Amino acid sequence: ESQMQSVFTDIGKINFRDPSNYYVIPSVPGLASNSVASAAWISSEGEALFALPSALGGIFVLKLPPHDVPGTVSVVELKQSSVMQRFLTGWMPTAIRGDCGPSDLPISLSVHCLDHDAFLFALCQDHKLRMWSYKDQMCLMVADLLEFMPVSRDLRLAAGTGHRLRLAFSQSLGLYLGVYMHAPKRGQFCVFQLVSTESNRYSLDHISSLFSSQETLVDFALTSSEIWALWHNEENQTVVKYINFEQNVAGQWNQVFVQPLPEEEVTVQHDQDPRETYLEYLFMPGRFTNAAIQKALQIFSQGTETHMDLTWDELKKEVTLAVESEFQGSVTEYECSPEEFWQLQVEFWSKFYACCLQYQEALSRPLALHLNPYTSMVCLLKKGSLSFLVPCSLVDHLYLLSNEHLLAEDDAAIFDDLEMSRDVVCLVQCLRLIGESISMEMAFIMEMACSRLQPPEKAAEQILEDLIANDTENMMEDIHSKLQDIRNPIHAIGVLIREMDYETDADMERAHHLNLRMNLTQLYGSGTAVNVVCWGVCKIATIRFLICRDLLILQQLLLRLGDTMVLGGGQLFQSQQDLLHRTSPLLLSYYLIRWASQCLASDVPVDTLESNLQHLSVLELADTTALTPHKLVSGPQTIVELFFQEVARKHIISRLFLQPNTSLAETSLNWPHLVTAIVADFLPLLWPSNPSFLFPECLMGSCQYTQLQEYIRLLQPWCHVNMGSCCFMMGRCYLVMGEGHKALDCFCQAASEVGREEFLDRLIQPEEGEMVSTPRLQYYNKVLRLFDMVGLPELVIQLATLAIMESADDWRSQATLRTCIFKHHLDLGHNSEAYVALTQNPDPGRQLDCLRQLVVVLCERSQLQDLVAFPYVNLHNEVVGIIESHARAVDLMTHNYYELLYAFHIYRHNYRKAGTVMFEYGMRLGREVRTLRGLQKQGNCFLAAINCLRLIRPEYAWIVQPASGAVYERPGASPKRSHDGECMAVPTTRQIEILELEDLERECVLARIRLTLVQHDLSTAAVAGNSTPEETVALLVRAGLFDTAITLCQTFKLPLTPIFEGLAFKCIKLQLGGEAAQAEAWDWLAANQLSALVTTKESSATDEAWRLLSSYLERYSSQNSLYHRCVINKLLAHGIPLPNWLINSYKKVDAAELLRLYLNYDLLEEAVDLVLEYIDAVLGKGHQYFGIEFPLSATAPMVWLPYTAIDQLLQALRESTTNHYNIVLYQKLHDKMEDYQQKVSVATRDRLYRR
């Protein structure tokens, strides 16, 4: 239903030239040229009918077909035949028929529709009323209205051009006809009832005749009980009156108080800026219409440009520009005094103001009255606007009545107690006397007192003194005499105050949903309705402010006169003081409502609305009806209109219609009753001293922060209701304005009222599952969230510190608040304060969480000095545990938790722990970071660990071997499973391995060597990082780093065999390889320290490799010549002839083993040569080449030969007889052996002989 459109929505879109929508009236016989009478109606078939006077007398009726049915327009003329006319009316005086046209020319037409007919009533200029039946096209009745009024001959002869006719129909009473008979200097209203007799004869039953003043009637409206009339008086002012023609025997018309025109002049004080004063006055809502200002602007600017469809703000700018440019253009002198400048400004602004006033007056000129018979709504149609007439309350009615009307007021209609009614009327007369005597300057004193928060009683006293001082017309005597007429002034004042007070003890119930009565959801929701209701409230506030002002002055007068002057004697001074203190808040309440009714709402940017919604969601207020963000219309909207449209309307309508036993629940939408009820329900919602806090809440929800601040400023000094809620609202305003410290002060002040005010109670409703604490703590939590969301950590800390004092007995709340303080100190970089907050946290779980956060954040910020230096009393193990778990869980190269832990232990002189940490770090680097940088760091780690152990006494210089990475328990890690999906049992115990300083030094050497290897060959990084010493040796050999490999082997006591085999193989490759291999070999050869050797010729890489091998064999001796053997084995295995230096070298060490090697590789010739040489050496020829100290002789020690090997050689030669050369070799060797045997025998005998 919210999408329903008005019937006028498409009116501008219709093509008015559509033949079905318009008709041109033919000129023959034509319409009456001077008549403006007309009537229109829609028949039961949907046809549109228009009745217009004919130039020849009679009535034209034009009939247009229904809008959705094709057809032609038909014209019917209702006219009497001449015979019938004479029969009905008699002969007309010829004087009438002069220039005025036919005597039966209708000057006012009205229509009354029946089911299948329509009665047309025509009031003609011959003062007769004619009634026509459209269906039968015949005149049913003619009545001479001059019979019902005092008639002179002049009137009967004059044409009745000023007469008016109106109809009113009631189901119970039938059809009423209201006729205004115009006569020079007087007029008369006659009310008739249409009576039908048998055989369709009709007559008029005269009900009432009412005489009116000499004012010019513009229009009037009729109901079945009342006449409403609109006049212009002699001063060209609008006068509206109404009268109940059935009950009012005295013929006393009731006054309607219409909107007066703005003041003719604006008073500008010397300390005021003319521009600001005039702009404020011109653009005060409800004072000037947009159209009037636009027209004045066009004239003022000499019509240079048109200013159409401007918004209120744009219009304000244009006006300022126009007046200022005119003003600047007129200032011819280069310099003028401030006084002259001010005077010129006033002059130009007053000129523009006069222009606006002129157009406002023209646009406010009334044209007609409109009365809706179904809702009894009376509207005043003006040239530029539409005014709605709203019922006036009793107090306002009495105060606004003129003296003659006030004296004529029926006392019984005021109160049941006649004496009280008279007292109140006399009291109001006194107030009127005071009000009429107050000058603009005096009125300004009270306005300023209210605005500047000064006591109104003092202002009233000052005004009273001014009145007494300036009393030239004996006003005080008149008041004294009126006071004498009041039987009980204290009681009368009390009654008046009670009538104006809207204070209620109960809180207004929050709005029901209007889903039950869908037709009510949009009731009074339009811009016009909102404007009418809110201006009704503004008018009431304005009038009652004046009443309260005058009442305060009167009470000051009563106090000054004393009890003796007050009739009824014995009135207590205290009673008067009490009344004075009741009147003052009443005055301020109406001042505040009037201010709010005239205060414009601001247009709010979208981002501000979104930010506001976020704040409200934090406060959990976003779902309340008061807080729907509202997009302002282009025209000026006041904050009261905003409140009514968004919030109050739903509350009021639901209260009036949806609650049982309400007076309006079953009635129709009667305008006077309904608008009165709505205004009466709206005022308590605006009333400052009521518990309802919807109005400020709506301002907050709609981002009207400046207006809300001013509202609370005007309210706070004197209103003691919702003080905490007001402080909270003021805090919200300060927060939005960026004044956080002021906001904090306000929020703290509001805390004292938590639990006592409805708004603050709604604010602290706990969420589902939320831990319920004390109301004030819940309040603090909400405000803390708000500060947190806005991003004001310093204020969060201040407020949380305050809240901790409230939560002395609630350790859970304390823990929450301490955590909050810790978090924000940490965010601000207040590390020491954060640490203190952490240590004071009573919840161990939260304390541990905070500690974890502290470690991580300070690490990320690289503020490690603070982190290490904190004392961590009773938290030492937790800190170590946190840092260790982080160290083991994160990437080693991007985070430095191990180094932090090392620093932590070093700072506390715990060197063994520090050494353990660095050793574990180094181990993990080797396993996980297989890069050059990782190996560099690993070496440094092992060095650091060694340094730590060297700082400890030797007996304590040991650490426990850290577990491998897989054994660490990582929280949240999934369990290890076997191939069939079963969880594998984690070994509960493991063997502990102790590492001493020597072990660490070896690891350090290994790390350094790995680094050397990777620096030489980056491709080995992936495997070198975690390789064992044996694997590292193999990698070094492969890379040609033989010196380094030997160092490693010596450190870990490993055999050098792999090194000699590797070097031998490289020599073989070089010997067999080409130039590329030679060039490549220089790289690894350069990495080994060759002994200096002076040569006369350039040596090749092969020569250098052999020389390196030779030097190693010389340098590193081995048991049983193991290294020689392995080198020769490698050479022979690859079929490489042994170099002489190698043979010579090995001959000296182990000739027998060389022989066996020759035999193994089937080198028979070399073997024979070796044996022959060896036998010669034993016998004394070249014995030094074989390392034989003493050759064979009777005096030397015993000698020996490797007989088994020689036998094997002889056997081999014997078996290969096919080779002639082998036979020669065999014979040669055999002979040599025989010779040897013989010489051995001789030597043996000589030895024995010598013995």
Foldseek 3Di string as FASTA:
>chain_A
DVPDDDPCPCVVVDDCPPQLNDDDDDPVVHAQPPAPAKEWDAALQQWIWIWGWGQQAFIKIWIGHHSVDDDDIDIDTQDDDPVVCCVAPNDAPVLACPPPGDQRGFRYWYWDYDNHWIWIWGCGQQQKIWIAIPVVSYTQDIGRCVVVDDDDPVSNSYGQNQKYWEWEADPVQGIKIWIWGDDQQWIKIWIWHWDADPPGHIDTHTQAMAIDGSFAWQEWYDYPFKIWTWTQGPVRDIWIWMDGRRPPPVNDIAGFDDDDAPDLAFDDDPVHQLLVRLLCVALFPPHFDPVLLQVLLCVLQVNPDHDPPAFSVRSSVSVVVSLVVVLVVPPPDPDDDPVVSRVSSSVSSSVSVNSSSVSRVQQQNFNYWDADRVQRWIWTHGNNDIGTGADDDPLLSLLPDDPVVLVVDDLCVRDVPSLLSLLLSLVSVLLNLLLVQQDPVLVVLQVVCLLVVHQLLVSLLVSLVVCVVPVPPPSVVVNLVSQVSRQANLVSLVVSLVSLDLADADAQDFFDDCPVPVVLPCVLQDPVSLLNLLVVLLVSLVSVLSSLSSVSNVLSVDLVVDQVSHHVGPDDPVSSVVSNLSSRLSNLQSSLSNCQSRAWFDADDPVVLVVLLVLCVLLPNNPGQLQDADGDDSYTDGLLSLRCNRGLVSSQSCVQAVDPPHPPNPPDNRRNVNSVSSSSSSSSCSGQQYLRPSSLSNCSSHVRLVSLLSSCVSAPPSHPHCNLVSLQSPLSSCVVVVNNVSSLVSNVVSLVCFPPGPVLVVSQDDDVPDDDDDSSLSSLVSVLSSCVVSPPLVSNLVSLVVSCVVCVPPLVSLLVSLLSNLVSCVVVVVLVSNVVSLVPRPDVVSSLVSLLVSVVSCQVVVVLVSVLPDPCVVCVVSNLVSLVLVCLPDDLPPGPSLVSSLSSCVVVLNLQSSLQSLQVSLLVLLVPVLALVSLVSSLVSLVSSLVSLVVDPQVPSKHKNDDPSVLDDHPPDDADADPVGHGDDRDPDDDIDMGGSLNSVLVSLLSVLLSVLCVLPVVCSVPSSNDDLVVSLLSCLVSLLLVSSVVNCVSVVHDSQVNLLSLLVLLVCVVPDDPVSQVVLVSSLVNDDQDDDDDPDDDTSSVSSVSVSVVCLVVDDDPQSVSLVSSVLSCVVVPHDDDPVSLLVVLQPCLPVVLVSCVVSVVLVVNLVSQLVCLCLLQPHPVVSNNDPDHQALPDDDDDDPVVSVVVSLVVLVVVVVDVVSVVSNVVSVVSVVVSVVSNVVSPVSNVVVD
